[in-house]
Amino acid sequence: MRILHFADAHINMANYGKQDPETGLPLRVLDFLKSLDTIVAAAVAEKVDLVIFAGDAYKDRNPAPTFQREWGRRIMRLSHAGIPTVLLVGNHDLSPSLTRAHALEEFSTLEIEKVIVADRPRMYSPDDLWGLPLHLITLPWISRSGMVAQLDLPVTKSEELNRLLAEKLGSMVDEWLDNADPDLPRILTAHASVPEASYGGERTVMLDADLTLGAPLVKDQRLDYVAMGHIHKFQDVNKGKHPPVVYPGSIERVDWGEAGEDKYYVVAEVARGKTSYTAHKIPGIRQFIDRYVSLESDQSVNETLQKAMPSPKQMAGAIVRLTVDYPRDWESLIDDAALREMAAEAFEFHLVKRPQMKTRSRLPEGMLAGSAHPAELLQLYWQAEHQEDLDTGSLQRLALDVIEKVEGGEDE
């Protein structure tokens, strides 16, 4: 069996850049869609037997119809090509309410040809998979309420609930593997963490505490390939052993935590007791360039910062960040406009200024920050900073007005 495995598309991750005037879509969304097009085209060109998407089509549980349309177009291309496709529900696809539809629901509601939406733990056999000679075990993300309801678990503390969930899933998978046809390959796909996995930058887009599967479950040698999703960094947490336990990673760089990571999809040749796979690097991933400077002298400040910047050619089309630490008194020495002009060809440029205070404000003896009113703390700040050139009285009155409105429950 030839399987194409990818995960964590997050196609509506539009946290950088502007909109494309032709399509009306954010330019960063077009980056994610371009990677998705590459993956779909590879599946069609290589005539794979099965595509497994291991969860998180979107960045949130309520994608706009425009983004649903763009995701749907790519999945329909697989359907029209006659390629069986399994869509696993991830944490970003799932509503915490059991009564609300998840973000991939329409594909099962409309009964799209050769598309399965895996939204509950289950083992699929050849009769369920259009005659494909394999067993497929699906472990989608399960919300806490879903854990209790679907798996008949007692309502208890989070730690105990996670332990019970792991035990329940382990016993279910064990039973399924015992009942599987011994001659057919077995694939497990899950949207979860495993203890040995190394995270990328995806913690900034996580919505819930991790669903963690134990090593004995995912590394069970009765399995022939484990198609994981949820962690954005490509890795095989059972490298060189059977079965491969593979995270393909996200299909585009999500944020600065993934700045140095390449992005992949995986094509696996899965046979009973023997599996090989190839990680295919996705071309054209937008570059993230991250630079940091700590100013040690107030001489030639802008020359120092410009030397730390990449060349204009390197910055062309890239998302660039320059972080600068400096004493607060040197604020006026930094020429923001010159740095932004140098980065004019960048897709987006972020200048992060971190002025450092010489001294730390101290509370009077006997005063606790938690018991002091915010206005009192702000007044202490003005005094500690010696801001004689500011009209601190007006600022204090403005702050007090804002605080009173918030405490009074006003919207603005």
Protein backbone atom coordinates (compact mmCIF):
# COMPACT_ATOMS: atom_id res chain seq x y z
CA MET A 1 0.00 0.00 0.00
CA ARG A 2 1.26 3.44 -0.97
CA ILE A 3 0.12 6.07 1.53
CA LEU A 4 0.50 9.85 1.38
CA HIS A 5 0.44 11.31 4.89
CA PHE A 6 0.28 14.98 5.86
CA ALA A 7 -1.09 17.00 8.78
CA ASP A 8 -1.61 20.41 10.39
CA ALA A 9 -2.63 22.46 7.36
CA HIS A 10 -3.96 25.45 9.36
CA ILE A 11 -4.89 27.06 6.06
CA ASN A 12 -6.49 30.18 7.57
CA MET A 13 -3.37 31.16 9.53
CA ALA A 14 -3.31 34.77 8.30
CA ASN A 15 -1.15 36.33 11.01
CA TYR A 16 1.26 38.13 8.65
CA GLY A 17 0.96 40.12 5.46
CA LYS A 18 -1.86 41.78 3.56
CA GLN A 19 -4.67 40.59 1.30
CA ASP A 20 -4.27 39.57 -2.31
CA PRO A 21 -6.27 42.06 -4.41
CA GLU A 22 -7.23 39.43 -7.00
CA THR A 23 -8.62 36.71 -4.72
CA GLY A 24 -9.41 38.76 -1.63
CA LEU A 25 -7.59 36.14 0.44
CA PRO A 26 -4.78 37.02 2.87
CA LEU A 27 -1.43 36.48 1.20
CA ARG A 28 -0.31 34.14 3.97
CA VAL A 29 -3.38 31.98 3.38
CA LEU A 30 -2.26 31.69 -0.24
CA ASP A 31 1.10 30.38 1.06
CA PHE A 32 -0.66 27.60 2.96
CA LEU A 33 -2.92 26.82 -0.01
CA LYS A 34 0.10 26.62 -2.32
CA SER A 35 1.64 23.97 -0.05
CA LEU A 36 -1.68 22.13 0.05
CA ASP A 37 -1.84 22.23 -3.75
CA THR A 38 1.66 20.71 -3.91
CA ILE A 39 0.57 17.83 -1.66
CA VAL A 40 -2.67 17.16 -3.55
CA ALA A 41 -0.87 17.29 -6.89
CA ALA A 42 1.71 14.78 -5.62
CA ALA A 43 -1.03 12.40 -4.48
CA VAL A 44 -2.69 12.56 -7.90
CA ALA A 45 0.53 12.31 -9.91
CA GLU A 46 1.91 9.39 -7.91
CA LYS A 47 -1.47 7.61 -7.84
CA VAL A 48 -1.21 6.77 -4.16
CA ASP A 49 -3.61 4.18 -2.73
CA LEU A 50 -4.68 6.33 0.22
CA VAL A 51 -4.26 9.88 1.57
CA ILE A 52 -4.27 10.31 5.34
CA PHE A 53 -4.68 13.81 6.71
CA ALA A 54 -3.87 13.61 10.43
CA GLY A 55 -5.85 16.61 11.67
CA ASP A 56 -6.07 20.42 12.00
CA ALA A 57 -7.33 21.72 8.68
CA TYR A 58 -7.79 25.18 10.15
CA LYS A 59 -6.34 27.33 12.93
CA ASP A 60 -9.65 27.49 14.82
CA ARG A 61 -12.97 25.69 15.17
CA ASN A 62 -15.03 28.26 13.28
CA PRO A 63 -13.40 28.83 9.88
CA ALA A 64 -14.98 31.40 7.59
CA PRO A 65 -16.92 29.97 4.62
CA THR A 66 -14.23 31.26 2.25
CA PHE A 67 -11.59 29.12 3.92
CA GLN A 68 -13.93 26.11 3.99
CA ARG A 69 -14.44 26.58 0.26
CA GLU A 70 -10.70 26.58 -0.43
CA TRP A 71 -10.11 23.48 1.71
CA GLY A 72 -13.08 21.76 0.07
CA ARG A 73 -11.77 22.42 -3.44
CA ARG A 74 -8.54 20.55 -2.65
CA ILE A 75 -10.29 17.59 -1.03
CA MET A 76 -12.73 17.39 -3.94
CA ARG A 77 -9.80 17.16 -6.33
CA LEU A 78 -8.67 14.02 -4.51
CA SER A 79 -12.22 12.67 -4.61
CA HIS A 80 -12.59 13.32 -8.34
CA ALA A 81 -9.24 11.59 -8.94
CA GLY A 82 -10.64 8.51 -7.20
CA ILE A 83 -8.08 8.63 -4.38
CA PRO A 84 -9.45 7.40 -1.04
CA THR A 85 -8.92 10.07 1.60
CA VAL A 86 -9.25 9.94 5.38
CA LEU A 87 -9.66 13.24 7.24
CA LEU A 88 -8.86 12.93 10.93
CA VAL A 89 -10.39 15.53 13.23
CA GLY A 90 -7.81 17.54 15.19
CA ASN A 91 -8.11 19.83 18.20
CA HIS A 92 -8.42 22.94 16.00
CA ASP A 93 -11.25 21.30 14.04
CA LEU A 94 -13.29 20.29 17.06
CA SER A 95 -15.85 22.24 19.07
CA PRO A 96 -15.76 21.68 22.85
CA SER A 97 -19.54 21.26 22.73
CA LEU A 98 -20.77 17.76 21.87
CA THR A 99 -23.83 19.25 20.17
CA ARG A 100 -21.92 21.43 17.71
CA ALA A 101 -20.54 20.23 14.38
CA HIS A 102 -16.79 20.09 13.90
CA ALA A 103 -15.08 21.94 11.07
CA LEU A 104 -14.88 18.88 8.76
CA GLU A 105 -18.48 17.77 9.27
CA GLU A 106 -19.72 18.71 5.80
CA PHE A 107 -17.68 15.98 4.10
CA SER A 108 -19.52 13.26 6.01
CA THR A 109 -22.88 15.06 5.87
CA LEU A 110 -22.71 15.33 2.07
CA GLU A 111 -21.27 11.80 1.75
CA ILE A 112 -18.43 12.87 -0.53
CA GLU A 113 -17.22 10.00 -2.67
CA LYS A 114 -14.10 8.26 -1.31
CA VAL A 115 -13.76 10.61 1.67
CA ILE A 116 -14.02 9.44 5.28
CA VAL A 117 -14.15 11.88 8.18
CA ALA A 118 -12.69 10.12 11.22
CA ASP A 119 -14.20 11.88 14.22
CA ARG A 120 -14.23 9.02 16.74
CA PRO A 121 -11.93 6.16 17.73
CA ARG A 122 -12.54 3.27 15.37
CA MET A 123 -10.90 0.52 13.33
CA TYR A 124 -11.74 0.52 9.62
CA SER A 125 -11.49 -2.73 7.65
CA PRO A 126 -11.31 -3.30 3.87
CA ASP A 127 -15.10 -3.21 3.53
CA ASP A 128 -15.08 0.30 5.05
CA LEU A 129 -12.16 1.47 2.90
CA TRP A 130 -13.48 0.78 -0.62
CA GLY A 131 -11.77 -2.61 -0.66
CA LEU A 132 -8.28 -1.41 0.24
CA PRO A 133 -6.43 -4.37 1.79
CA LEU A 134 -5.57 -2.87 5.17
CA HIS A 135 -6.86 -2.06 8.64
CA LEU A 136 -6.89 1.60 9.68
CA ILE A 137 -7.23 2.65 13.33
CA THR A 138 -8.24 6.28 13.87
CA LEU A 139 -7.73 8.24 17.09
CA PRO A 140 -8.97 11.78 16.55
CA TRP A 141 -8.63 14.53 19.12
CA ILE A 142 -11.20 14.07 21.86
CA SER A 143 -12.40 16.94 24.04
CA ARG A 144 -12.72 16.36 27.77
CA SER A 145 -16.50 16.19 27.53
CA GLY A 146 -16.13 13.86 24.58
CA MET A 147 -13.80 11.62 26.55
CA VAL A 148 -16.41 11.17 29.25
CA ALA A 149 -19.36 10.72 26.90
CA GLN A 150 -17.87 8.62 24.08
CA LEU A 151 -15.58 6.40 26.15
CA ASP A 152 -17.86 6.01 29.17
CA LEU A 153 -15.34 7.48 31.62
CA PRO A 154 -16.15 8.86 35.07
CA VAL A 155 -16.09 12.63 35.60
CA THR A 156 -12.94 13.27 37.62
CA LYS A 157 -9.82 15.45 37.84
CA SER A 158 -7.89 16.24 34.65
CA GLU A 159 -4.84 14.15 35.51
CA GLU A 160 -6.94 11.14 36.43
CA LEU A 161 -9.11 11.61 33.34
CA ASN A 162 -6.05 11.64 31.08
CA ARG A 163 -4.78 8.44 32.69
CA LEU A 164 -8.15 6.74 32.27
CA LEU A 165 -8.33 7.91 28.66
CA ALA A 166 -4.90 6.47 27.88
CA GLU A 167 -5.87 3.16 29.46
CA LYS A 168 -9.19 3.04 27.61
CA LEU A 169 -7.65 3.87 24.23
CA GLY A 170 -4.85 1.35 24.83
CA SER A 171 -7.28 -1.46 25.57
CA MET A 172 -9.42 -0.56 22.54
CA VAL A 173 -6.44 -0.55 20.18
CA ASP A 174 -5.15 -3.79 21.68
CA GLU A 175 -8.49 -5.49 21.09
CA TRP A 176 -8.72 -4.18 17.53
CA LEU A 177 -5.24 -5.42 16.68
CA ASP A 178 -6.04 -8.85 18.13
CA ASN A 179 -9.09 -9.07 15.85
CA ALA A 180 -7.37 -7.74 12.72
CA ASP A 181 -6.62 -9.98 9.73
CA PRO A 182 -3.03 -11.15 10.39
CA ASP A 183 -2.14 -10.91 6.70
CA LEU A 184 -3.18 -7.27 6.22
CA PRO A 185 -1.09 -4.20 7.09
CA ARG A 186 -2.30 -2.12 10.04
CA ILE A 187 -2.05 1.67 10.13
CA LEU A 188 -2.77 3.87 13.15
CA THR A 189 -3.46 7.58 12.66
CA ALA A 190 -3.78 9.87 15.66
CA HIS A 191 -3.89 13.57 16.45
CA ALA A 192 -2.00 13.66 19.72
CA SER A 193 1.38 13.93 21.40
CA VAL A 194 3.75 11.17 22.38
CA PRO A 195 6.24 11.61 25.24
CA GLU A 196 9.39 11.37 23.09
CA ALA A 197 8.28 13.93 20.51
CA SER A 198 10.04 17.27 20.10
CA TYR A 199 7.82 20.31 19.70
CA GLY A 200 8.20 23.01 17.08
CA GLY A 201 6.53 26.39 17.46
CA GLU A 202 2.93 25.17 17.54
CA ARG A 203 2.35 25.80 21.24
CA THR A 204 1.31 29.34 20.25
CA VAL A 205 -1.73 27.94 18.40
CA MET A 206 -2.73 25.18 20.82
CA LEU A 207 -6.26 25.42 22.16
CA ASP A 208 -6.28 22.70 24.80
CA ALA A 209 -4.03 20.61 26.96
CA ASP A 210 -2.29 17.87 25.02
CA LEU A 211 -3.81 14.47 24.40
CA THR A 212 -0.80 12.23 25.08
CA LEU A 213 -0.51 8.64 23.87
CA GLY A 214 1.96 6.33 25.58
CA ALA A 215 4.89 4.79 23.75
CA PRO A 216 3.60 1.20 24.15
CA LEU A 217 0.46 2.14 22.21
CA VAL A 218 2.05 3.92 19.22
CA LYS A 219 5.12 1.66 19.04
CA ASP A 220 3.19 -1.62 19.14
CA GLN A 221 4.99 -3.87 16.65
CA ARG A 222 1.68 -5.26 15.44
CA LEU A 223 1.26 -1.89 13.69
CA ASP A 224 2.96 -1.22 10.37
CA TYR A 225 2.79 2.59 10.15
CA VAL A 226 1.71 5.30 12.57
CA ALA A 227 0.54 8.54 10.91
CA MET A 228 0.65 11.25 13.56
CA GLY A 229 -0.56 14.85 13.58
CA HIS A 230 -0.57 17.75 16.06
CA ILE A 231 3.17 18.45 16.44
CA HIS A 232 4.49 20.79 13.74
CA LYS A 233 8.06 19.52 13.56
CA PHE A 234 8.91 16.67 11.19
CA GLN A 235 10.20 13.62 13.08
CA ASP A 236 10.04 9.86 13.43
CA VAL A 237 9.86 9.10 17.15
CA ASN A 238 10.61 5.42 16.50
CA LYS A 239 13.35 5.97 13.94
CA GLY A 240 15.01 2.88 12.58
CA LYS A 241 12.50 0.59 14.25
CA HIS A 242 9.14 -0.93 13.38
CA PRO A 243 6.67 0.66 13.09
CA PRO A 244 7.68 4.17 11.97
CA VAL A 245 5.87 6.75 14.15
CA VAL A 246 5.94 9.81 11.92
CA TYR A 247 4.94 13.42 12.39
CA PRO A 248 5.14 15.08 8.95
CA GLY A 249 4.84 18.51 10.61
CA SER A 250 2.79 21.49 9.50
CA ILE A 251 2.61 22.33 5.79
CA GLU A 252 3.88 25.91 6.25
CA ARG A 253 5.76 27.84 8.91
CA VAL A 254 3.18 28.98 11.43
CA ASP A 255 5.27 31.41 13.50
CA TRP A 256 8.77 32.28 14.68
CA GLY A 257 9.13 29.03 16.58
CA GLU A 258 9.28 27.28 13.19
CA ALA A 259 11.58 29.81 11.50
CA GLY A 260 14.39 27.34 10.85
CA GLU A 261 12.28 24.28 10.02
CA ASP A 262 11.69 22.81 6.58
CA LYS A 263 8.22 21.45 5.84
CA TYR A 264 7.29 18.00 4.53
CA TYR A 265 4.67 15.51 3.49
CA VAL A 266 5.38 11.78 3.67
CA VAL A 267 4.85 8.95 1.19
CA ALA A 268 5.01 5.53 2.86
CA GLU A 269 5.22 2.07 1.31
CA VAL A 270 3.33 0.02 3.89
CA ALA A 271 3.45 -3.78 3.97
CA ARG A 272 2.72 -6.29 6.70
CA GLY A 273 5.78 -6.31 8.97
CA LYS A 274 7.80 -3.99 6.76
CA THR A 275 7.41 -0.30 5.95
CA SER A 276 9.58 2.32 4.30
CA TYR A 277 8.82 5.99 3.78
CA THR A 278 10.18 9.12 2.14
CA ALA A 279 9.80 12.65 3.52
CA HIS A 280 9.24 15.06 0.64
CA LYS A 281 10.32 18.64 1.29
CA ILE A 282 7.62 21.11 0.27
CA PRO A 283 9.13 23.72 -2.06
CA GLY A 284 8.56 27.46 -1.92
CA ILE A 285 7.96 27.77 1.83
CA ARG A 286 8.08 31.44 2.83
CA GLN A 287 11.25 32.31 4.70
CA PHE A 288 11.28 33.60 8.28
CA ILE A 289 14.43 35.55 9.25
CA ASP A 290 14.94 36.33 12.93
CA ARG A 291 17.76 38.59 14.18
CA TYR A 292 18.61 39.85 17.66
CA VAL A 293 20.84 42.72 18.84
CA SER A 294 21.74 43.86 22.35
CA LEU A 295 23.16 47.38 22.15
CA GLU A 296 26.26 47.81 24.30
CA SER A 297 27.21 51.31 23.22
CA ASP A 298 25.36 54.49 22.29
CA GLN A 299 27.84 55.13 19.48
CA SER A 300 26.90 54.29 15.86
CA VAL A 301 23.63 52.70 16.97
CA ASN A 302 21.99 52.64 13.55
CA GLU A 303 25.10 51.34 11.81
CA THR A 304 25.17 48.48 14.34
CA LEU A 305 21.51 47.66 13.72
CA GLN A 306 21.84 47.82 9.93
CA LYS A 307 24.81 45.44 10.04
CA ALA A 308 22.69 42.98 12.00
CA MET A 309 19.98 43.07 9.33
CA PRO A 310 20.00 40.59 6.43
CA SER A 311 20.81 42.04 3.02
CA PRO A 312 17.89 43.51 1.04
CA LYS A 313 18.18 40.55 -1.35
CA GLN A 314 17.86 38.07 1.51
CA MET A 315 14.85 39.93 2.88
CA ALA A 316 12.96 40.06 -0.41
CA GLY A 317 9.67 38.19 0.12
CA ALA A 318 10.64 37.07 3.65
CA ILE A 319 9.03 37.71 7.02
CA VAL A 320 11.75 39.49 8.99
CA ARG A 321 12.05 40.31 12.68
CA LEU A 322 14.73 42.40 14.35
CA THR A 323 14.65 42.40 18.16
CA VAL A 324 16.67 45.08 19.93
CA ASP A 325 17.53 45.29 23.63
CA TYR A 326 18.86 48.69 24.77
CA PRO A 327 18.83 51.10 27.73
CA ARG A 328 15.69 53.18 27.76
CA ASP A 329 17.68 56.42 27.49
CA TRP A 330 18.87 55.41 23.99
CA GLU A 331 15.36 55.26 22.53
CA SER A 332 15.82 58.39 20.41
CA LEU A 333 19.02 57.07 18.84
CA ILE A 334 17.19 54.31 16.92
CA ASP A 335 16.12 55.39 13.43
CA ASP A 336 13.02 53.26 12.82
CA ALA A 337 12.39 54.76 9.39
CA ALA A 338 15.87 53.87 8.10
CA LEU A 339 15.51 50.25 9.22
CA ARG A 340 12.06 49.95 7.63
CA GLU A 341 13.35 51.45 4.41
CA MET A 342 16.15 48.88 4.36
CA ALA A 343 13.53 46.13 4.73
CA ALA A 344 11.24 47.59 2.07
CA GLU A 345 11.32 44.41 -0.06
CA ALA A 346 10.46 42.13 2.85
CA PHE A 347 7.03 40.51 2.88
CA GLU A 348 6.67 41.92 6.40
CA PHE A 349 9.14 43.55 8.78
CA HIS A 350 8.83 43.54 12.58
CA LEU A 351 11.01 45.84 14.67
CA VAL A 352 10.70 44.68 18.27
CA LYS A 353 12.14 47.26 20.66
CA ARG A 354 12.87 46.19 24.22
CA PRO A 355 13.96 49.18 26.31
CA GLN A 356 15.54 48.11 29.58
CA MET A 357 14.93 49.97 32.85
CA LYS A 358 18.00 50.64 34.96
CA THR A 359 16.22 49.99 38.20
CA ARG A 360 13.27 47.91 39.19
CA SER A 361 10.35 49.59 40.90
CA ARG A 362 9.95 48.44 44.48
CA LEU A 363 6.76 48.46 46.53
CA PRO A 364 6.73 50.22 49.89
CA GLU A 365 7.29 47.93 52.84
CA GLY A 366 4.13 46.08 53.78
CA MET A 367 2.39 46.61 50.41
CA LEU A 368 1.50 43.56 48.31
CA ALA A 369 0.99 43.95 44.56
CA GLY A 370 -2.02 41.65 44.62
CA SER A 371 -3.84 43.80 47.18
CA ALA A 372 -2.94 47.23 45.75
CA HIS A 373 -5.27 49.10 43.39
CA PRO A 374 -3.94 49.37 39.81
CA ALA A 375 -3.98 53.17 40.10
CA GLU A 376 -1.66 52.96 43.13
CA LEU A 377 0.76 50.73 41.28
CA LEU A 378 0.77 53.06 38.29
CA GLN A 379 1.53 56.05 40.51
CA LEU A 380 4.48 54.18 42.00
CA TYR A 381 5.70 53.45 38.50
CA TRP A 382 5.68 57.14 37.55
CA GLN A 383 7.67 57.96 40.66
CA ALA A 384 10.23 55.22 40.09
CA GLU A 385 10.77 56.23 36.48
CA HIS A 386 11.30 59.92 37.29
CA GLN A 387 9.20 60.97 34.32
CA GLU A 388 9.33 64.69 35.02
CA ASP A 389 8.81 65.55 31.34
CA LEU A 390 5.43 63.80 31.24
CA ASP A 391 2.11 65.10 32.47
CA THR A 392 1.72 62.15 34.80
CA GLY A 393 -1.29 63.73 36.46
CA SER A 394 -3.29 63.67 33.22
CA LEU A 395 -2.09 60.17 32.44
CA GLN A 396 -3.06 59.03 35.91
CA ARG A 397 -6.56 60.51 35.54
CA LEU A 398 -6.97 58.87 32.12
CA ALA A 399 -5.83 55.52 33.52
CA LEU A 400 -8.22 55.82 36.46
CA ASP A 401 -11.09 56.52 34.04
CA VAL A 402 -10.23 53.36 32.05
CA ILE A 403 -9.91 51.27 35.22
CA GLU A 404 -13.28 52.46 36.52
CA LYS A 405 -14.99 51.59 33.23
CA VAL A 406 -13.47 48.10 33.22
CA GLU A 407 -14.38 47.48 36.84
CA GLY A 408 -17.88 48.75 36.11
CA GLY A 409 -18.28 46.24 33.28
CA GLU A 410 -18.50 48.80 30.46
CA ASP A 411 -17.58 47.67 26.94
CA GLU A 412 -15.62 50.77 26.01
